PDB file of N, CA and C in Angstrom:
ATOM      1  N   UNK A   1     118.639  76.987 113.684  1.00  0.00           N
ATOM      2  CA  UNK A   1     118.241  77.884 112.612  1.00  0.00           C
ATOM      3  C   UNK A   1     116.809  78.360 112.863  1.00  0.00           C
ATOM      4  N   UNK A   2     116.606  79.648 112.682  1.00  0.00           N
ATOM      5  CA  UNK A   2     115.275  80.219 112.866  1.00  0.00           C
ATOM      6  C   UNK A   2     114.419  79.978 111.628  1.00  0.00           C
ATOM      7  N   UNK A   3     113.120  79.883 111.834  1.00  0.00           N
ATOM      8  CA  UNK A   3     112.198  79.676 110.723  1.00  0.00           C
ATOM      9  C   UNK A   3     111.046  80.655 110.839  1.00  0.00           C
ATOM     10  N   UNK A   4     110.412  80.911 109.713  1.00  0.00           N
ATOM     11  CA  UNK A   4     109.185  81.683 109.698  1.00  0.00           C
ATOM     12  C   UNK A   4     109.336  83.097 110.229  1.00  0.00           C
ATOM     13  N   UNK A   5     108.411  83.448 111.110  1.00  0.00           N
ATOM     14  CA  UNK A   5     108.327  84.805 111.621  1.00  0.00           C
ATOM     15  C   UNK A   5     109.591  85.228 112.368  1.00  0.00           C
ATOM     16  N   UNK A   6     110.123  84.366 113.212  1.00  0.00           N
ATOM     17  CA  UNK A   6     111.342  84.697 113.962  1.00  0.00           C
ATOM     18  C   UNK A   6     112.507  84.961 113.012  1.00  0.00           C
ATOM     19  N   UNK A   7     112.584  84.204 111.952  1.00  0.00           N
ATOM     20  CA  UNK A   7     113.644  84.409 110.964  1.00  0.00           C
ATOM     21  C   UNK A   7     113.467  85.760 110.280  1.00  0.00           C
ATOM     22  N   UNK A   8     112.235  86.117 109.974  1.00  0.00           N
ATOM     23  CA  UNK A   8     111.985  87.401 109.322  1.00  0.00           C
ATOM     24  C   UNK A   8     112.373  88.556 110.238  1.00  0.00           C
ATOM     25  N   UNK A   9     112.088  88.445 111.531  1.00  0.00           N
ATOM     26  CA  UNK A   9     112.509  89.497 112.468  1.00  0.00           C
ATOM     27  C   UNK A   9     114.029  89.651 112.394  1.00  0.00           C
ATOM     28  N   UNK A  10     114.742  88.545 112.436  1.00  0.00           N
ATOM     29  CA  UNK A  10     116.203  88.587 112.378  1.00  0.00           C
ATOM     30  C   UNK A  10     116.690  89.178 111.054  1.00  0.00           C
ATOM     31  N   UNK A  11     116.064  88.804 109.954  1.00  0.00           N
ATOM     32  CA  UNK A  11     116.445  89.349 108.647  1.00  0.00           C
ATOM     33  C   UNK A  11     116.228  90.858 108.606  1.00  0.00           C
ATOM     34  N   UNK A  12     115.094  91.312 109.112  1.00  0.00           N
ATOM     35  CA  UNK A  12     114.792  92.747 109.118  1.00  0.00           C
ATOM     36  C   UNK A  12     115.781  93.495 110.010  1.00  0.00           C
ATOM     37  N   UNK A  13     116.098  92.925 111.142  1.00  0.00           N
ATOM     38  CA  UNK A  13     117.069  93.530 112.046  1.00  0.00           C
ATOM     39  C   UNK A  13     118.431  93.650 111.349  1.00  0.00           C
ATOM     40  N   UNK A  14     118.855  92.599 110.694  1.00  0.00           N
ATOM     41  CA  UNK A  14     120.145  92.598 109.988  1.00  0.00           C
ATOM     42  C   UNK A  14     120.173  93.635 108.871  1.00  0.00           C
ATOM     43  N   UNK A  15     119.065  93.763 108.138  1.00  0.00           N
ATOM     44  CA  UNK A  15     119.000  94.755 107.053  1.00  0.00           C
ATOM     45  C   UNK A  15     119.102  96.169 107.601  1.00  0.00           C
ATOM     46  N   UNK A  16     118.423  96.439 108.701  1.00  0.00           N
ATOM     47  CA  UNK A  16     118.482  97.778 109.269  1.00  0.00           C
ATOM     48  C   UNK A  16     119.876  98.073 109.827  1.00  0.00           C
ATOM     49  N   UNK A  17     120.454  97.132 110.533  1.00  0.00           N
ATOM     50  CA  UNK A  17     121.807  97.330 111.074  1.00  0.00           C
ATOM     51  C   UNK A  17     122.788  97.594 109.927  1.00  0.00           C
ATOM     52  N   UNK A  18     122.651  96.873 108.831  1.00  0.00           N
ATOM     53  CA  UNK A  18     123.529  97.092 107.673  1.00  0.00           C
ATOM     54  C   UNK A  18     123.326  98.501 107.111  1.00  0.00           C
ATOM     55  N   UNK A  19     122.084  98.936 107.013  1.00  0.00           N
ATOM     56  CA  UNK A  19     121.800 100.289 106.514  1.00  0.00           C
ATOM     57  C   UNK A  19     122.346 101.347 107.463  1.00  0.00           C
ATOM     58  N   UNK A  20     122.265 101.093 108.756  1.00  0.00           N
ATOM     59  CA  UNK A  20     122.734 102.048 109.757  1.00  0.00           C
ATOM     60  C   UNK A  20     124.252 102.230 109.712  1.00  0.00           C
ATOM     61  N   UNK A  21     124.960 101.253 109.181  1.00  0.00           N
ATOM     62  CA  UNK A  21     126.425 101.322 109.130  1.00  0.00           C
ATOM     63  C   UNK A  21     126.921 102.485 108.266  1.00  0.00           C
ATOM     64  N   UNK A  22     126.073 102.978 107.358  1.00  0.00           N
ATOM     65  CA  UNK A  22     126.521 104.056 106.463  1.00  0.00           C
ATOM     66  C   UNK A  22     125.977 105.427 106.871  1.00  0.00           C
ATOM     67  N   UNK A  23     125.469 105.551 108.081  1.00  0.00           N
ATOM     68  CA  UNK A  23     124.921 106.828 108.527  1.00  0.00           C
ATOM     69  C   UNK A  23     125.914 107.972 108.368  1.00  0.00           C
ATOM     70  N   UNK A  24     127.142 107.752 108.741  1.00  0.00           N
ATOM     71  CA  UNK A  24     128.121 108.842 108.692  1.00  0.00           C
ATOM     72  C   UNK A  24     128.461 109.258 107.258  1.00  0.00           C
ATOM     73  N   UNK A  25     128.063 108.461 106.277  1.00  0.00           N
ATOM     74  CA  UNK A  25     128.281 108.803 104.867  1.00  0.00           C
ATOM     75  C   UNK A  25     127.047 109.453 104.240  1.00  0.00           C
ATOM     76  N   UNK A  26     125.970 109.576 105.004  1.00  0.00           N
ATOM     77  CA  UNK A  26     124.706 110.103 104.474  1.00  0.00           C
ATOM     78  C   UNK A  26     124.191 111.247 105.354  1.00  0.00           C
ATOM     79  N   UNK A  27     125.051 112.217 105.607  1.00  0.00           N
ATOM     80  CA  UNK A  27     124.699 113.309 106.514  1.00  0.00           C
ATOM     81  C   UNK A  27     124.109 114.522 105.792  1.00  0.00           C
ATOM     82  N   UNK A  28     124.039 114.469 104.477  1.00  0.00           N
ATOM     83  CA  UNK A  28     123.473 115.572 103.716  1.00  0.00           C
ATOM     84  C   UNK A  28     121.944 115.521 103.769  1.00  0.00           C
ATOM     85  N   UNK A  29     121.320 116.658 103.534  1.00  0.00           N
ATOM     86  CA  UNK A  29     119.863 116.703 103.448  1.00  0.00           C
ATOM     87  C   UNK A  29     119.444 116.379 102.023  1.00  0.00           C
ATOM     88  N   UNK A  30     118.419 115.540 101.890  1.00  0.00           N
ATOM     89  CA  UNK A  30     117.915 115.115 100.580  1.00  0.00           C
ATOM     90  C   UNK A  30     116.389 115.196 100.597  1.00  0.00           C
ATOM     91  N   UNK A  31     115.796 115.059  99.434  1.00  0.00           N
ATOM     92  CA  UNK A  31     114.337 115.043  99.345  1.00  0.00           C
ATOM     93  C   UNK A  31     113.796 113.859 100.125  1.00  0.00           C
ATOM     94  N   UNK A  32     112.715 114.091 100.830  1.00  0.00           N
ATOM     95  CA  UNK A  32     112.108 113.033 101.634  1.00  0.00           C
ATOM     96  C   UNK A  32     111.376 112.035 100.750  1.00  0.00           C
ATOM     97  N   UNK A  33     111.342 110.782 101.176  1.00  0.00           N
ATOM     98  CA  UNK A  33     110.513 109.774 100.507  1.00  0.00           C
ATOM     99  C   UNK A  33     109.176 109.622 101.223  1.00  0.00           C
ATOM    100  N   UNK A  34     108.880 110.553 102.109  1.00  0.00           N
ATOM    101  CA  UNK A  34     107.594 110.643 102.800  1.00  0.00           C
ATOM    102  C   UNK A  34     106.790 111.717 102.091  1.00  0.00           C
ATOM    103  N   UNK A  35     105.758 111.321 101.348  1.00  0.00           N
ATOM    104  CA  UNK A  35     104.997 112.274 100.541  1.00  0.00           C
ATOM    105  C   UNK A  35     104.288 113.337 101.383  1.00  0.00           C
ATOM    106  N   UNK A  36     104.115 113.101 102.672  1.00  0.00           N
ATOM    107  CA  UNK A  36     103.465 114.095 103.526  1.00  0.00           C
ATOM    108  C   UNK A  36     104.466 115.110 104.075  1.00  0.00           C
ATOM    109  N   UNK A  37     105.744 114.914 103.784  1.00  0.00           N
ATOM    110  CA  UNK A  37     106.794 115.793 104.286  1.00  0.00           C
ATOM    111  C   UNK A  37     107.393 116.577 103.124  1.00  0.00           C
ATOM    112  N   UNK A  38     107.188 117.880 103.121  1.00  0.00           N
ATOM    113  CA  UNK A  38     107.713 118.715 102.039  1.00  0.00           C
ATOM    114  C   UNK A  38     109.126 119.216 102.329  1.00  0.00           C
ATOM    115  N   UNK A  39     109.667 118.875 103.471  1.00  0.00           N
ATOM    116  CA  UNK A  39     110.980 119.357 103.875  1.00  0.00           C
ATOM    117  C   UNK A  39     112.038 118.275 103.656  1.00  0.00           C
ATOM    118  N   UNK A  40     113.258 118.697 103.357  1.00  0.00           N
ATOM    119  CA  UNK A  40     114.344 117.718 103.218  1.00  0.00           C
ATOM    120  C   UNK A  40     114.591 116.982 104.541  1.00  0.00           C
ATOM    121  N   UNK A  41     115.124 115.793 104.423  1.00  0.00           N
ATOM    122  CA  UNK A  41     115.489 114.987 105.595  1.00  0.00           C
ATOM    123  C   UNK A  41     116.945 114.565 105.435  1.00  0.00           C
ATOM    124  N   UNK A  42     117.539 114.177 106.539  1.00  0.00           N
ATOM    125  CA  UNK A  42     118.894 113.650 106.469  1.00  0.00           C
ATOM    126  C   UNK A  42     118.915 112.422 105.557  1.00  0.00           C
ATOM    127  N   UNK A  43     119.974 112.310 104.787  1.00  0.00           N
ATOM    128  CA  UNK A  43     120.082 111.207 103.847  1.00  0.00           C
ATOM    129  C   UNK A  43     119.978 109.844 104.492  1.00  0.00           C
ATOM    130  N   UNK A  44     120.543 109.692 105.692  1.00  0.00           N
ATOM    131  CA  UNK A  44     120.488 108.377 106.338  1.00  0.00           C
ATOM    132  C   UNK A  44     119.067 108.010 106.742  1.00  0.00           C
ATOM    133  N   UNK A  45     118.240 108.985 107.089  1.00  0.00           N
ATOM    134  CA  UNK A  45     116.843 108.700 107.438  1.00  0.00           C
ATOM    135  C   UNK A  45     116.112 108.163 106.217  1.00  0.00           C
ATOM    136  N   UNK A  46     116.277 108.853 105.100  1.00  0.00           N
ATOM    137  CA  UNK A  46     115.617 108.457 103.855  1.00  0.00           C
ATOM    138  C   UNK A  46     116.123 107.090 103.398  1.00  0.00           C
ATOM    139  N   UNK A  47     117.430 106.873 103.482  1.00  0.00           N
ATOM    140  CA  UNK A  47     118.022 105.603 103.055  1.00  0.00           C
ATOM    141  C   UNK A  47     117.520 104.428 103.900  1.00  0.00           C
ATOM    142  N   UNK A  48     117.518 104.600 105.220  1.00  0.00           N
ATOM    143  CA  UNK A  48     117.066 103.513 106.096  1.00  0.00           C
ATOM    144  C   UNK A  48     115.584 103.230 105.901  1.00  0.00           C
ATOM    145  N   UNK A  49     114.783 104.291 105.750  1.00  0.00           N
ATOM    146  CA  UNK A  49     113.346 104.087 105.511  1.00  0.00           C
ATOM    147  C   UNK A  49     113.125 103.318 104.217  1.00  0.00           C
ATOM    148  N   UNK A  50     113.827 103.727 103.159  1.00  0.00           N
ATOM    149  CA  UNK A  50     113.667 103.059 101.872  1.00  0.00           C
ATOM    150  C   UNK A  50     114.145 101.614 101.934  1.00  0.00           C
ATOM    151  N   UNK A  51     115.247 101.391 102.623  1.00  0.00           N
ATOM    152  CA  UNK A  51     115.783 100.028 102.752  1.00  0.00           C
ATOM    153  C   UNK A  51     114.775  99.106 103.418  1.00  0.00           C
ATOM    154  N   UNK A  52     114.163  99.572 104.493  1.00  0.00           N
ATOM    155  CA  UNK A  52     113.218  98.731 105.225  1.00  0.00           C
ATOM    156  C   UNK A  52     111.904  98.581 104.459  1.00  0.00           C
ATOM    157  N   UNK A  53     111.458  99.629 103.812  1.00  0.00           N
ATOM    158  CA  UNK A  53     110.259  99.559 102.968  1.00  0.00           C
ATOM    159  C   UNK A  53     110.454  98.512 101.873  1.00  0.00           C
ATOM    160  N   UNK A  54     111.603  98.556 101.211  1.00  0.00           N
ATOM    161  CA  UNK A  54     111.895  97.579 100.151  1.00  0.00           C
ATOM    162  C   UNK A  54     111.963  96.156 100.714  1.00  0.00           C
ATOM    163  N   UNK A  55     112.556  95.996 101.898  1.00  0.00           N
ATOM    164  CA  UNK A  55     112.655  94.670 102.513  1.00  0.00           C
ATOM    165  C   UNK A  55     111.271  94.114 102.853  1.00  0.00           C
ATOM    166  N   UNK A  56     110.403  94.981 103.383  1.00  0.00           N
ATOM    167  CA  UNK A  56     109.036  94.543 103.713  1.00  0.00           C
ATOM    168  C   UNK A  56     108.309  94.104 102.452  1.00  0.00           C
ATOM    169  N   UNK A  57     108.370  94.902 101.396  1.00  0.00           N
ATOM    170  CA  UNK A  57     107.652  94.538 100.176  1.00  0.00           C
ATOM    171  C   UNK A  57     108.239  93.305  99.507  1.00  0.00           C
ATOM    172  N   UNK A  58     109.541  93.109  99.597  1.00  0.00           N
ATOM    173  CA  UNK A  58     110.140  91.888  99.040  1.00  0.00           C
ATOM    174  C   UNK A  58     109.596  90.655  99.763  1.00  0.00           C
ATOM    175  N   UNK A  59     109.498  90.747 101.087  1.00  0.00           N
ATOM    176  CA  UNK A  59     108.987  89.615 101.865  1.00  0.00           C
ATOM    177  C   UNK A  59     107.485  89.431 101.635  1.00  0.00           C
ATOM    178  N   UNK A  60     106.746  90.536 101.504  1.00  0.00           N
ATOM    179  CA  UNK A  60     105.306  90.421 101.202  1.00  0.00           C
ATOM    180  C   UNK A  60     105.101  89.722  99.860  1.00  0.00           C
ATOM    181  N   UNK A  61     105.962  90.019  98.902  1.00  0.00           N
ATOM    182  CA  UNK A  61     105.877  89.360  97.599  1.00  0.00           C
ATOM    183  C   UNK A  61     106.079  87.849  97.741  1.00  0.00           C
ATOM    184  N   UNK A  62     107.056  87.460  98.553  1.00  0.00           N
ATOM    185  CA  UNK A  62     107.311  86.037  98.791  1.00  0.00           C
ATOM    186  C   UNK A  62     106.077  85.363  99.392  1.00  0.00           C
ATOM    187  N   UNK A  63     105.402  86.089 100.285  1.00  0.00           N
ATOM    188  CA  UNK A  63     104.214  85.540 100.950  1.00  0.00           C
ATOM    189  C   UNK A  63     102.927  85.743 100.140  1.00  0.00           C
ATOM    190  N   UNK A  64     103.094  86.248  98.911  1.00  0.00           N
ATOM    191  CA  UNK A  64     101.967  86.478  98.015  1.00  0.00           C
ATOM    192  C   UNK A  64     100.938  87.444  98.614  1.00  0.00           C
ATOM    193  N   UNK A  65     101.453  88.450  99.323  1.00  0.00           N
ATOM    194  CA  UNK A  65     100.621  89.516  99.881  1.00  0.00           C
ATOM    195  C   UNK A  65     100.773  90.749  98.990  1.00  0.00           C
ATOM    196  N   UNK A  66      99.730  91.576  98.913  1.00  0.00           N
ATOM    197  CA  UNK A  66      99.852  92.783  98.091  1.00  0.00           C
ATOM    198  C   UNK A  66     100.926  93.715  98.654  1.00  0.00           C
ATOM    199  N   UNK A  67     101.613  94.381  97.754  1.00  0.00           N
ATOM    200  CA  UNK A  67     102.641  95.320  98.174  1.00  0.00           C
ATOM    201  C   UNK A  67     101.987  96.521  98.844  1.00  0.00           C
ATOM    202  N   UNK A  68     102.727  97.167  99.722  1.00  0.00           N
ATOM    203  CA  UNK A  68     102.228  98.352 100.413  1.00  0.00           C
ATOM    204  C   UNK A  68     102.915  99.586  99.833  1.00  0.00           C
ATOM    205  N   UNK A  69     102.330 100.749 100.083  1.00  0.00           N
ATOM    206  CA  UNK A  69     102.967 101.981  99.646  1.00  0.00           C
ATOM    207  C   UNK A  69     103.732 102.608 100.808  1.00  0.00           C
ATOM    208  N   UNK A  70     104.526 103.606 100.495  1.00  0.00           N
ATOM    209  CA  UNK A  70     105.365 104.235 101.510  1.00  0.00           C
ATOM    210  C   UNK A  70     104.524 104.884 102.600  1.00  0.00           C
ATOM    211  N   UNK A  71     103.425 105.497 102.241  1.00  0.00           N
ATOM    212  CA  UNK A  71     102.565 106.140 103.241  1.00  0.00           C
ATOM    213  C   UNK A  71     102.096 105.140 104.292  1.00  0.00           C
ATOM    214  N   UNK A  72     101.680 103.967 103.857  1.00  0.00           N
ATOM    215  CA  UNK A  72     101.234 102.936 104.795  1.00  0.00           C
ATOM    216  C   UNK A  72     102.396 102.433 105.643  1.00  0.00           C
ATOM    217  N   UNK A  73     103.556 102.257 105.032  1.00  0.00           N
ATOM    218  CA  UNK A  73     104.732 101.822 105.777  1.00  0.00           C
ATOM    219  C   UNK A  73     105.049 102.810 106.897  1.00  0.00           C
ATOM    220  N   UNK A  74     105.047 104.082 106.569  1.00  0.00           N
ATOM    221  CA  UNK A  74     105.365 105.104 107.572  1.00  0.00           C
ATOM    222  C   UNK A  74     104.333 105.103 108.686  1.00  0.00           C
ATOM    223  N   UNK A  75     103.071 105.046 108.321  1.00  0.00           N
ATOM    224  CA  UNK A  75     101.995 105.128 109.311  1.00  0.00           C
ATOM    225  C   UNK A  75     101.902 103.884 110.191  1.00  0.00           C
ATOM    226  N   UNK A  76     102.068 102.708 109.615  1.00  0.00           N
ATOM    227  CA  UNK A  76     101.833 101.466 110.358  1.00  0.00           C
ATOM    228  C   UNK A  76     103.100 100.791 110.891  1.00  0.00           C
ATOM    229  N   UNK A  77     104.259 101.231 110.434  1.00  0.00           N
ATOM    230  CA  UNK A  77     105.505 100.608 110.882  1.00  0.00           C
ATOM    231  C   UNK A  77     106.420 101.646 111.531  1.00  0.00           C
ATOM    232  N   UNK A  78     106.864 102.601 110.735  1.00  0.00           N
ATOM    233  CA  UNK A  78     107.860 103.552 111.233  1.00  0.00           C
ATOM    234  C   UNK A  78     107.348 104.372 112.415  1.00  0.00           C
ATOM    235  N   UNK A  79     106.159 104.910 112.326  1.00  0.00           N
ATOM    236  CA  UNK A  79     105.649 105.758 113.407  1.00  0.00           C
ATOM    237  C   UNK A  79     105.448 104.993 114.707  1.00  0.00           C
ATOM    238  N   UNK A  80     105.178 103.696 114.625  1.00  0.00           N
ATOM    239  CA  UNK A  80     105.045 102.887 115.843  1.00  0.00           C
ATOM    240  C   UNK A  80     106.382 102.718 116.554  1.00  0.00           C
ATOM    241  N   UNK A  81     107.464 102.695 115.788  1.00  0.00           N
ATOM    242  CA  UNK A  81     108.787 102.456 116.370  1.00  0.00           C
ATOM    243  C   UNK A  81     109.465 103.732 116.864  1.00  0.00           C
ATOM    244  N   UNK A  82     109.080 104.876 116.308  1.00  0.00           N
ATOM    245  CA  UNK A  82     109.740 106.134 116.682  1.00  0.00           C
ATOM    246  C   UNK A  82     109.634 106.387 118.172  1.00  0.00           C
ATOM    247  N   UNK A  83     110.735 106.831 118.743  1.00  0.00           N
ATOM    248  CA  UNK A  83     110.761 107.190 120.154  1.00  0.00           C
ATOM    249  C   UNK A  83     111.099 106.052 121.100  1.00  0.00           C
ATOM    250  N   UNK A  84     111.096 104.835 120.615  1.00  0.00           N
ATOM    251  CA  UNK A  84     111.454 103.706 121.477  1.00  0.00           C
ATOM    252  C   UNK A  84     112.966 103.690 121.697  1.00  0.00           C
ATOM    253  N   UNK A  85     113.374 103.391 122.901  1.00  0.00           N
ATOM    254  CA  UNK A  85     114.813 103.308 123.181  1.00  0.00           C
ATOM    255  C   UNK A  85     115.441 102.137 122.425  1.00  0.00           C
ATOM    256  N   UNK A  86     114.624 101.165 122.048  1.00  0.00           N
ATOM    257  CA  UNK A  86     115.105 100.015 121.276  1.00  0.00           C
ATOM    258  C   UNK A  86     114.532 100.076 119.853  1.00  0.00           C
ATOM    259  N   UNK A  87     114.680 101.250 119.232  1.00  0.00           N
ATOM    260  CA  UNK A  87     114.113 101.502 117.901  1.00  0.00           C
ATOM    261  C   UNK A  87     114.482 100.412 116.898  1.00  0.00           C
ATOM    262  N   UNK A  88     115.732 100.020 116.860  1.00  0.00           N
ATOM    263  CA  UNK A  88     116.167  99.033 115.868  1.00  0.00           C
ATOM    264  C   UNK A  88     115.404  97.723 116.033  1.00  0.00           C
ATOM    265  N   UNK A  89     115.231  97.269 117.262  1.00  0.00           N
ATOM    266  CA  UNK A  89     114.485  96.030 117.509  1.00  0.00           C
ATOM    267  C   UNK A  89     112.999  96.209 117.186  1.00  0.00           C
ATOM    268  N   UNK A  90     112.455  97.364 117.570  1.00  0.00           N
ATOM    269  CA  UNK A  90     111.016  97.597 117.326  1.00  0.00           C
ATOM    270  C   UNK A  90     110.710  97.659 115.839  1.00  0.00           C
ATOM    271  N   UNK A  91     111.508  98.399 115.094  1.00  0.00           N
ATOM    272  CA  UNK A  91     111.196  98.501 113.671  1.00  0.00           C
ATOM    273  C   UNK A  91     111.390  97.160 112.973  1.00  0.00           C
ATOM    274  N   UNK A  92     112.366  96.372 113.418  1.00  0.00           N
ATOM    275  CA  UNK A  92     112.537  95.029 112.846  1.00  0.00           C
ATOM    276  C   UNK A  92     111.293  94.184 113.105  1.00  0.00           C
ATOM    277  N   UNK A  93     110.771  94.262 114.322  1.00  0.00           N
ATOM    278  CA  UNK A  93     109.558  93.521 114.667  1.00  0.00           C
ATOM    279  C   UNK A  93     108.372  93.989 113.836  1.00  0.00           C
ATOM    280  N   UNK A  94     108.161  95.305 113.775  1.00  0.00           N
ATOM    281  CA  UNK A  94     107.004  95.827 113.035  1.00  0.00           C
ATOM    282  C   UNK A  94     107.136  95.564 111.537  1.00  0.00           C
ATOM    283  N   UNK A  95     108.345  95.613 111.009  1.00  0.00           N
ATOM    284  CA  UNK A  95     108.562  95.260 109.600  1.00  0.00           C
ATOM    285  C   UNK A  95     108.204  93.794 109.352  1.00  0.00           C
ATOM    286  N   UNK A  96     108.624  92.929 110.254  1.00  0.00           N
ATOM    287  CA  UNK A  96     108.298  91.500 110.117  1.00  0.00           C
ATOM    288  C   UNK A  96     106.792  91.283 110.192  1.00  0.00           C
ATOM    289  N   UNK A  97     106.142  91.986 111.123  1.00  0.00           N
ATOM    290  CA  UNK A  97     104.686  91.851 111.228  1.00  0.00           C
ATOM    291  C   UNK A  97     103.997  92.297 109.944  1.00  0.00           C
ATOM    292  N   UNK A  98     104.439  93.416 109.364  1.00  0.00           N
ATOM    293  CA  UNK A  98     103.850  93.881 108.105  1.00  0.00           C
ATOM    294  C   UNK A  98     104.180  92.923 106.976  1.00  0.00           C
ATOM    295  N   UNK A  99     105.389  92.400 106.967  1.00  0.00           N
ATOM    296  CA  UNK A  99     105.809  91.475 105.909  1.00  0.00           C
ATOM    297  C   UNK A  99     105.006  90.182 105.921  1.00  0.00           C
ATOM    298  N   UNK A 100     104.574  89.770 107.097  1.00  0.00           N
ATOM    299  CA  UNK A 100     103.798  88.521 107.233  1.00  0.00           C
ATOM    300  C   UNK A 100     102.293  88.767 107.245  1.00  0.00           C
ATOM    301  N   UNK A 101     101.883  90.007 107.077  1.00  0.00           N
ATOM    302  CA  UNK A 101     100.460  90.316 107.045  1.00  0.00           C
ATOM    303  C   UNK A 101      99.814  90.385 108.411  1.00  0.00           C
ATOM    304  N   UNK A 102     100.612  90.497 109.473  1.00  0.00           N
ATOM    305  CA  UNK A 102     100.062  90.580 110.835  1.00  0.00           C
ATOM    306  C   UNK A 102      99.569  91.974 111.161  1.00  0.00           C
ATOM    307  N   UNK A 103     100.058  92.966 110.458  1.00  0.00           N
ATOM    308  CA  UNK A 103      99.527  94.332 110.559  1.00  0.00           C
ATOM    309  C   UNK A 103      98.603  94.509 109.369  1.00  0.00           C
ATOM    310  N   UNK A 104      97.346  94.836 109.605  1.00  0.00           N
ATOM    311  CA  UNK A 104      96.401  94.957 108.493  1.00  0.00           C
ATOM    312  C   UNK A 104      96.819  96.028 107.493  1.00  0.00           C
ATOM    313  N   UNK A 105      96.730  95.702 106.253  1.00  0.00           N
ATOM    314  CA  UNK A 105      96.987  96.649 105.172  1.00  0.00           C
ATOM    315  C   UNK A 105      95.765  96.636 104.256  1.00  0.00           C
ATOM    316  N   UNK A 106      95.256  97.810 103.963  1.00  0.00           N
ATOM    317  CA  UNK A 106      94.046  97.854 103.111  1.00  0.00           C
ATOM    318  C   UNK A 106      94.254  97.251 101.736  1.00  0.00           C
TER     319      UNK A 106
END
């Protein structure tokens, strides 16, 4: 059984994979949850971002760390993972790092 940080990486990976399973049901364009983006985004993008943002803040709450906002999540987690051929693994790692306070949050 995994413990601590390694367990959180696995949990984040599992949450993202679960969210990704409904991509084909979320192909419509919807309002973005990125306040810097005034254009609609595919529903699955918004759903996966929100799912991971919520997972990070839930874990930060457990660790008694202050919650982060979506802007910080996008800048310090999502943007680091974009473009990687192993995006799912990278975002799980960066989410775990943010959840454990390893990525500085103001």
